[in-house]
Amino acid sequence: MEEEFYGSIKLISGEEIFAEILPVEENGRTVLVLSDPVEIETVALGSVEGLRMIPWIRCLSKEGIVIVPMDKVITVVEATEESEVVDSYMKFVRQKNNTSSEKGKVSERMGYKTSVKEARAYLEKIYRSKAKE
C-alpha cells in the first residue's frame, strides 16, 4: 500500500485541487483518497502575496474525506513537506477543525519523539560531558 503525501491533482474537469492524498487499490482499480481537499488562490495585498485556501466541497463532512477515481485525473504532483503551500494547507486544516491552538502533528519524518523530561536529561548529559573537556 502507498503512503500518504501532500500534492496537487489536475482533474479532467479542469479543476486543480490540493490535499493530503492516499492512493488505494479498490476492486482492481486505483482511487485517490483525499483528505480535506482545497482549491488554492494567490491573493495580493499591495506588494505582499499570500495563499487562500477554499474548501473544494463546501458541505464536506467533519472527516473531510473524498474519493476520486483515477479515470477523472489528468496528473498528480507531490509537494515537498517543507513547502509554503503545505504549511499554509496544514494551518487551514487545523483552523477548520478548530484545533488552531494545537501544534502540528508530530510524525516519524520530523525526527525522534520524546518527552520534555527525557530530552532535558539527554541535553544536560551532553552539556556536562562537554564542560568536563
N, C-alpha and C. Protein backbone atom coordinates (compact mmCIF):
# COMPACT_ATOMS: atom_id res chain seq x y z
N MET A 1 0.83 -1.17 0.00
CA MET A 1 0.00 0.00 0.00
C MET A 1 0.88 1.25 0.00
N GLU A 2 0.46 2.26 -0.69
CA GLU A 2 1.19 3.52 -0.80
C GLU A 2 1.10 4.31 0.50
N GLU A 3 1.96 5.31 0.62
CA GLU A 3 1.91 6.21 1.77
C GLU A 3 1.19 7.49 1.39
N GLU A 4 0.67 8.18 2.41
CA GLU A 4 0.02 9.47 2.19
C GLU A 4 1.07 10.51 1.81
N PHE A 5 0.66 11.47 1.01
CA PHE A 5 1.53 12.59 0.67
C PHE A 5 0.68 13.80 0.36
N TYR A 6 1.29 14.97 0.41
CA TYR A 6 0.60 16.21 0.04
C TYR A 6 0.85 16.45 -1.44
N GLY A 7 -0.20 16.87 -2.15
CA GLY A 7 0.00 17.12 -3.57
C GLY A 7 -1.18 17.79 -4.24
N SER A 8 -0.92 18.18 -5.49
CA SER A 8 -1.95 18.80 -6.33
C SER A 8 -2.43 17.78 -7.34
N ILE A 9 -3.72 17.86 -7.64
CA ILE A 9 -4.33 16.97 -8.62
C ILE A 9 -5.02 17.83 -9.66
N LYS A 10 -4.75 17.55 -10.91
CA LYS A 10 -5.46 18.22 -12.02
C LYS A 10 -6.49 17.22 -12.53
N LEU A 11 -7.76 17.62 -12.47
CA LEU A 11 -8.85 16.75 -12.90
C LEU A 11 -9.21 17.01 -14.36
N ILE A 12 -9.89 16.07 -14.99
CA ILE A 12 -10.29 16.24 -16.39
C ILE A 12 -11.29 17.37 -16.54
N SER A 13 -11.94 17.77 -15.44
CA SER A 13 -12.87 18.90 -15.47
C SER A 13 -12.14 20.23 -15.56
N GLY A 14 -10.81 20.22 -15.36
CA GLY A 14 -10.02 21.45 -15.38
C GLY A 14 -9.71 21.96 -13.98
N GLU A 15 -10.37 21.42 -12.97
CA GLU A 15 -10.13 21.87 -11.61
C GLU A 15 -8.76 21.39 -11.13
N GLU A 16 -8.12 22.21 -10.30
CA GLU A 16 -6.88 21.81 -9.66
C GLU A 16 -7.11 21.88 -8.17
N ILE A 17 -6.88 20.77 -7.49
CA ILE A 17 -7.12 20.72 -6.05
C ILE A 17 -5.87 20.26 -5.33
N PHE A 18 -5.77 20.67 -4.08
CA PHE A 18 -4.63 20.30 -3.23
C PHE A 18 -5.19 19.55 -2.04
N ALA A 19 -4.49 18.50 -1.61
CA ALA A 19 -4.97 17.70 -0.48
C ALA A 19 -3.87 16.79 0.02
N GLU A 20 -4.16 16.14 1.13
CA GLU A 20 -3.34 15.01 1.56
C GLU A 20 -3.92 13.82 0.81
N ILE A 21 -3.07 13.11 0.06
CA ILE A 21 -3.52 12.09 -0.89
C ILE A 21 -3.04 10.71 -0.48
N LEU A 22 -3.94 9.74 -0.58
CA LEU A 22 -3.59 8.34 -0.33
C LEU A 22 -4.09 7.51 -1.51
N PRO A 23 -3.19 7.01 -2.37
CA PRO A 23 -3.62 6.12 -3.46
C PRO A 23 -3.99 4.75 -2.88
N VAL A 24 -5.13 4.21 -3.33
CA VAL A 24 -5.62 2.93 -2.81
C VAL A 24 -6.10 2.08 -3.98
N GLU A 25 -5.77 0.79 -3.94
CA GLU A 25 -6.29 -0.17 -4.91
C GLU A 25 -7.64 -0.66 -4.39
N GLU A 26 -8.68 -0.56 -5.23
CA GLU A 26 -10.01 -0.98 -4.82
C GLU A 26 -10.68 -1.69 -5.99
N ASN A 27 -10.99 -2.95 -5.80
CA ASN A 27 -11.64 -3.76 -6.84
C ASN A 27 -10.88 -3.72 -8.17
N GLY A 28 -9.57 -3.81 -8.11
CA GLY A 28 -8.76 -3.85 -9.32
C GLY A 28 -8.52 -2.51 -9.99
N ARG A 29 -8.92 -1.42 -9.35
CA ARG A 29 -8.68 -0.09 -9.91
C ARG A 29 -8.12 0.81 -8.82
N THR A 30 -7.41 1.83 -9.23
CA THR A 30 -6.81 2.77 -8.28
C THR A 30 -7.72 3.97 -8.08
N VAL A 31 -7.91 4.33 -6.83
CA VAL A 31 -8.65 5.56 -6.48
C VAL A 31 -7.74 6.38 -5.58
N LEU A 32 -8.01 7.68 -5.54
CA LEU A 32 -7.27 8.57 -4.65
C LEU A 32 -8.19 8.97 -3.51
N VAL A 33 -7.75 8.73 -2.29
CA VAL A 33 -8.49 9.16 -1.12
C VAL A 33 -7.90 10.51 -0.71
N LEU A 34 -8.72 11.55 -0.77
CA LEU A 34 -8.28 12.90 -0.49
C LEU A 34 -8.79 13.34 0.87
N SER A 35 -7.90 13.88 1.66
CA SER A 35 -8.27 14.39 2.97
C SER A 35 -8.31 15.92 2.91
N ASP A 36 -9.44 16.51 3.23
CA ASP A 36 -9.66 17.96 3.24
C ASP A 36 -9.18 18.65 1.95
N PRO A 37 -9.72 18.27 0.79
CA PRO A 37 -9.29 18.89 -0.46
C PRO A 37 -9.67 20.37 -0.54
N VAL A 38 -8.74 21.17 -1.10
CA VAL A 38 -8.96 22.61 -1.23
C VAL A 38 -8.54 23.09 -2.61
N GLU A 39 -9.11 24.23 -3.00
CA GLU A 39 -8.61 24.97 -4.14
C GLU A 39 -7.73 26.07 -3.58
N ILE A 40 -6.66 26.42 -4.28
CA ILE A 40 -5.74 27.43 -3.79
C ILE A 40 -5.75 28.63 -4.73
N GLU A 41 -5.87 29.81 -4.14
CA GLU A 41 -5.79 31.07 -4.89
C GLU A 41 -4.60 31.86 -4.37
N THR A 42 -3.93 32.57 -5.26
CA THR A 42 -2.91 33.52 -4.83
C THR A 42 -3.58 34.87 -4.72
N VAL A 43 -3.42 35.50 -3.57
CA VAL A 43 -4.01 36.83 -3.35
C VAL A 43 -2.89 37.82 -3.05
N ALA A 44 -3.09 39.05 -3.50
CA ALA A 44 -2.09 40.08 -3.27
C ALA A 44 -2.73 41.27 -2.56
N LEU A 45 -2.06 41.73 -1.53
CA LEU A 45 -2.45 42.95 -0.83
C LEU A 45 -1.26 43.90 -0.94
N GLY A 46 -1.35 44.80 -1.90
CA GLY A 46 -0.21 45.68 -2.17
C GLY A 46 0.93 44.86 -2.74
N SER A 47 2.08 44.91 -2.09
CA SER A 47 3.24 44.15 -2.58
C SER A 47 3.38 42.79 -1.90
N VAL A 48 2.46 42.47 -0.99
CA VAL A 48 2.52 41.20 -0.26
C VAL A 48 1.58 40.19 -0.91
N GLU A 49 2.13 38.99 -1.19
CA GLU A 49 1.33 37.91 -1.76
C GLU A 49 1.12 36.83 -0.72
N GLY A 50 -0.03 36.18 -0.80
CA GLY A 50 -0.33 35.08 0.10
C GLY A 50 -1.19 34.05 -0.59
N LEU A 51 -1.45 32.96 0.12
CA LEU A 51 -2.28 31.88 -0.42
C LEU A 51 -3.61 31.85 0.31
N ARG A 52 -4.66 31.61 -0.43
CA ARG A 52 -6.00 31.49 0.13
C ARG A 52 -6.51 30.09 -0.17
N MET A 53 -6.91 29.40 0.88
CA MET A 53 -7.44 28.04 0.75
C MET A 53 -8.96 28.11 0.77
N ILE A 54 -9.58 27.46 -0.22
CA ILE A 54 -11.04 27.41 -0.31
C ILE A 54 -11.43 25.94 -0.34
N PRO A 55 -12.32 25.50 0.58
CA PRO A 55 -12.73 24.09 0.54
C PRO A 55 -13.25 23.72 -0.85
N TRP A 56 -12.79 22.61 -1.37
CA TRP A 56 -13.20 22.16 -2.71
C TRP A 56 -14.68 21.80 -2.71
N ILE A 57 -15.12 21.14 -1.65
CA ILE A 57 -16.53 20.81 -1.48
C ILE A 57 -16.98 21.50 -0.20
N ARG A 58 -17.88 22.44 -0.33
CA ARG A 58 -18.25 23.30 0.79
C ARG A 58 -18.99 22.56 1.91
N CYS A 59 -19.76 21.52 1.58
CA CYS A 59 -20.54 20.82 2.60
C CYS A 59 -19.89 19.48 2.99
N LEU A 60 -18.58 19.45 3.00
CA LEU A 60 -17.84 18.24 3.34
C LEU A 60 -18.03 17.89 4.81
N SER A 61 -18.08 16.60 5.11
CA SER A 61 -18.27 16.15 6.49
C SER A 61 -17.05 16.51 7.34
N LYS A 62 -17.17 16.33 8.64
CA LYS A 62 -16.09 16.64 9.58
C LYS A 62 -14.82 15.85 9.26
N GLU A 63 -14.98 14.61 8.78
CA GLU A 63 -13.82 13.78 8.44
C GLU A 63 -13.07 14.34 7.24
N GLY A 64 -13.79 14.99 6.33
CA GLY A 64 -13.16 15.65 5.19
C GLY A 64 -12.59 14.71 4.14
N ILE A 65 -13.18 13.53 3.97
CA ILE A 65 -12.65 12.54 3.03
C ILE A 65 -13.45 12.54 1.73
N VAL A 66 -12.71 12.55 0.60
CA VAL A 66 -13.32 12.46 -0.73
C VAL A 66 -12.55 11.39 -1.51
N ILE A 67 -13.27 10.60 -2.29
CA ILE A 67 -12.64 9.56 -3.12
C ILE A 67 -12.78 9.96 -4.58
N VAL A 68 -11.64 9.96 -5.29
CA VAL A 68 -11.63 10.34 -6.70
C VAL A 68 -11.05 9.18 -7.51
N PRO A 69 -11.80 8.66 -8.49
CA PRO A 69 -11.26 7.60 -9.34
C PRO A 69 -10.19 8.15 -10.28
N MET A 70 -9.18 7.34 -10.56
CA MET A 70 -8.06 7.78 -11.39
C MET A 70 -8.47 8.14 -12.82
N ASP A 71 -9.62 7.61 -13.31
CA ASP A 71 -10.03 7.96 -14.66
C ASP A 71 -10.53 9.41 -14.75
N LYS A 72 -10.66 10.09 -13.63
CA LYS A 72 -11.05 11.51 -13.60
C LYS A 72 -9.84 12.43 -13.40
N VAL A 73 -8.64 11.83 -13.32
CA VAL A 73 -7.42 12.58 -13.01
C VAL A 73 -6.51 12.66 -14.24
N ILE A 74 -6.01 13.88 -14.51
CA ILE A 74 -5.03 14.06 -15.57
C ILE A 74 -3.62 13.81 -15.02
N THR A 75 -3.32 14.47 -13.90
CA THR A 75 -1.99 14.30 -13.32
C THR A 75 -2.02 14.57 -11.82
N VAL A 76 -1.02 14.02 -11.13
CA VAL A 76 -0.84 14.22 -9.69
C VAL A 76 0.60 14.68 -9.48
N VAL A 77 0.78 15.75 -8.71
CA VAL A 77 2.12 16.26 -8.42
C VAL A 77 2.31 16.30 -6.91
N GLU A 78 3.36 15.65 -6.43
CA GLU A 78 3.64 15.63 -5.00
C GLU A 78 4.32 16.93 -4.58
N ALA A 79 3.92 17.47 -3.44
CA ALA A 79 4.53 18.69 -2.89
C ALA A 79 5.54 18.29 -1.81
N THR A 80 6.61 19.06 -1.69
CA THR A 80 7.56 18.79 -0.62
C THR A 80 6.96 19.25 0.70
N GLU A 81 7.21 18.48 1.76
CA GLU A 81 6.60 18.78 3.06
C GLU A 81 7.07 20.10 3.64
N GLU A 82 8.20 20.62 3.17
CA GLU A 82 8.74 21.88 3.69
C GLU A 82 8.22 23.09 2.93
N SER A 83 7.37 22.89 1.94
CA SER A 83 6.93 24.00 1.08
C SER A 83 5.94 24.91 1.79
N GLU A 84 5.85 26.14 1.31
CA GLU A 84 4.91 27.13 1.84
C GLU A 84 3.47 26.66 1.67
N VAL A 85 3.19 25.97 0.57
CA VAL A 85 1.84 25.50 0.29
C VAL A 85 1.40 24.48 1.34
N VAL A 86 2.27 23.53 1.66
CA VAL A 86 1.93 22.51 2.65
C VAL A 86 1.74 23.16 4.02
N ASP A 87 2.60 24.10 4.37
CA ASP A 87 2.48 24.81 5.64
C ASP A 87 1.15 25.55 5.73
N SER A 88 0.80 26.27 4.67
CA SER A 88 -0.48 27.00 4.64
C SER A 88 -1.67 26.04 4.71
N TYR A 89 -1.57 24.93 4.00
CA TYR A 89 -2.63 23.92 3.99
C TYR A 89 -2.84 23.34 5.40
N MET A 90 -1.75 23.02 6.08
CA MET A 90 -1.86 22.44 7.42
C MET A 90 -2.48 23.44 8.40
N LYS A 91 -2.12 24.72 8.28
CA LYS A 91 -2.74 25.76 9.11
C LYS A 91 -4.24 25.85 8.82
N PHE A 92 -4.60 25.80 7.55
CA PHE A 92 -6.01 25.86 7.16
C PHE A 92 -6.79 24.69 7.77
N VAL A 93 -6.25 23.48 7.67
CA VAL A 93 -6.93 22.29 8.19
C VAL A 93 -7.07 22.38 9.71
N ARG A 94 -6.03 22.84 10.41
CA ARG A 94 -6.12 22.99 11.87
C ARG A 94 -7.21 24.00 12.25
N GLN A 95 -7.26 25.12 11.52
CA GLN A 95 -8.29 26.12 11.81
C GLN A 95 -9.68 25.59 11.51
N LYS A 96 -9.80 24.86 10.42
CA LYS A 96 -11.09 24.28 10.03
C LYS A 96 -11.60 23.32 11.10
N ASN A 97 -10.70 22.58 11.68
CA ASN A 97 -11.07 21.60 12.71
C ASN A 97 -11.05 22.20 14.11
N ASN A 98 -10.94 23.53 14.19
CA ASN A 98 -10.91 24.24 15.48
C ASN A 98 -9.81 23.74 16.40
N THR A 99 -8.67 23.43 15.82
CA THR A 99 -7.53 22.99 16.62
C THR A 99 -6.36 23.93 16.39
N SER A 100 -6.64 25.20 16.14
CA SER A 100 -5.58 26.15 15.82
C SER A 100 -4.61 26.34 16.97
N SER A 101 -5.03 26.04 18.21
CA SER A 101 -4.12 26.19 19.34
C SER A 101 -3.15 25.02 19.44
N GLU A 102 -3.47 23.91 18.78
CA GLU A 102 -2.57 22.76 18.80
C GLU A 102 -1.42 22.98 17.84
N LYS A 103 -0.31 22.33 18.14
CA LYS A 103 0.80 22.36 17.21
C LYS A 103 0.57 21.28 16.17
N GLY A 104 1.34 21.31 15.07
CA GLY A 104 1.20 20.34 14.01
C GLY A 104 1.40 18.92 14.49
N LYS A 105 0.84 17.96 13.77
CA LYS A 105 1.02 16.56 14.11
C LYS A 105 2.49 16.20 14.04
N VAL A 106 2.98 15.49 15.02
CA VAL A 106 4.35 15.03 15.01
C VAL A 106 4.39 13.69 14.30
N SER A 107 5.30 13.58 13.34
CA SER A 107 5.42 12.32 12.61
C SER A 107 6.86 11.82 12.70
N GLU A 108 7.05 10.57 12.35
CA GLU A 108 8.39 9.98 12.36
C GLU A 108 9.31 10.71 11.37
N ARG A 109 8.74 11.28 10.31
CA ARG A 109 9.55 12.00 9.33
C ARG A 109 10.22 13.24 9.92
N MET A 110 9.61 13.80 10.98
CA MET A 110 10.15 15.01 11.59
C MET A 110 11.35 14.73 12.48
N GLY A 111 11.53 13.51 12.87
CA GLY A 111 12.65 13.16 13.74
C GLY A 111 12.18 12.33 14.91
N TYR A 112 13.03 12.29 15.94
CA TYR A 112 12.73 11.49 17.11
C TYR A 112 11.66 12.15 17.98
N LYS A 113 10.84 11.31 18.59
CA LYS A 113 9.82 11.81 19.51
C LYS A 113 10.26 11.45 20.92
N THR A 114 10.11 12.37 21.85
CA THR A 114 10.47 12.12 23.23
C THR A 114 9.69 13.09 24.11
N SER A 115 9.80 12.88 25.41
CA SER A 115 9.15 13.81 26.34
C SER A 115 10.13 14.94 26.66
N VAL A 116 9.61 16.03 27.19
CA VAL A 116 10.46 17.16 27.57
C VAL A 116 11.45 16.72 28.64
N LYS A 117 10.98 15.93 29.59
CA LYS A 117 11.84 15.46 30.69
C LYS A 117 13.02 14.64 30.15
N GLU A 118 12.74 13.70 29.25
CA GLU A 118 13.80 12.87 28.66
C GLU A 118 14.76 13.71 27.83
N ALA A 119 14.23 14.65 27.05
CA ALA A 119 15.08 15.49 26.22
C ALA A 119 15.98 16.37 27.08
N ARG A 120 15.43 16.94 28.16
CA ARG A 120 16.22 17.77 29.06
C ARG A 120 17.36 16.97 29.68
N ALA A 121 17.06 15.75 30.15
CA ALA A 121 18.10 14.90 30.75
C ALA A 121 19.19 14.60 29.73
N TYR A 122 18.79 14.30 28.51
CA TYR A 122 19.76 13.99 27.46
C TYR A 122 20.66 15.19 27.15
N LEU A 123 20.04 16.37 27.01
CA LEU A 123 20.81 17.57 26.70
C LEU A 123 21.72 17.98 27.85
N GLU A 124 21.26 17.82 29.09
CA GLU A 124 22.11 18.13 30.24
C GLU A 124 23.30 17.19 30.30
N LYS A 125 23.10 15.95 29.96
CA LYS A 125 24.20 14.97 29.93
C LYS A 125 25.24 15.38 28.89
N ILE A 126 24.78 15.80 27.71
CA ILE A 126 25.71 16.27 26.67
C ILE A 126 26.46 17.51 27.16
N TYR A 127 25.74 18.45 27.78
CA TYR A 127 26.33 19.70 28.26
C TYR A 127 27.40 19.41 29.31
N ARG A 128 27.10 18.52 30.25
CA ARG A 128 28.06 18.18 31.31
C ARG A 128 29.30 17.52 30.75
N SER A 129 29.13 16.64 29.75
CA SER A 129 30.31 15.97 29.17
C SER A 129 31.17 16.95 28.40
N LYS A 130 30.56 17.95 27.76
CA LYS A 130 31.32 18.99 27.04
C LYS A 130 32.04 19.90 28.02
N ALA A 131 31.42 20.17 29.19
CA ALA A 131 32.02 21.05 30.19
C ALA A 131 33.24 20.42 30.83
N LYS A 132 33.27 19.09 30.92
CA LYS A 132 34.41 18.38 31.52
C LYS A 132 35.62 18.41 30.60
N GLU A 133 35.42 18.57 29.31
CA GLU A 133 36.52 18.55 28.35
C GLU A 133 37.36 19.77 28.41
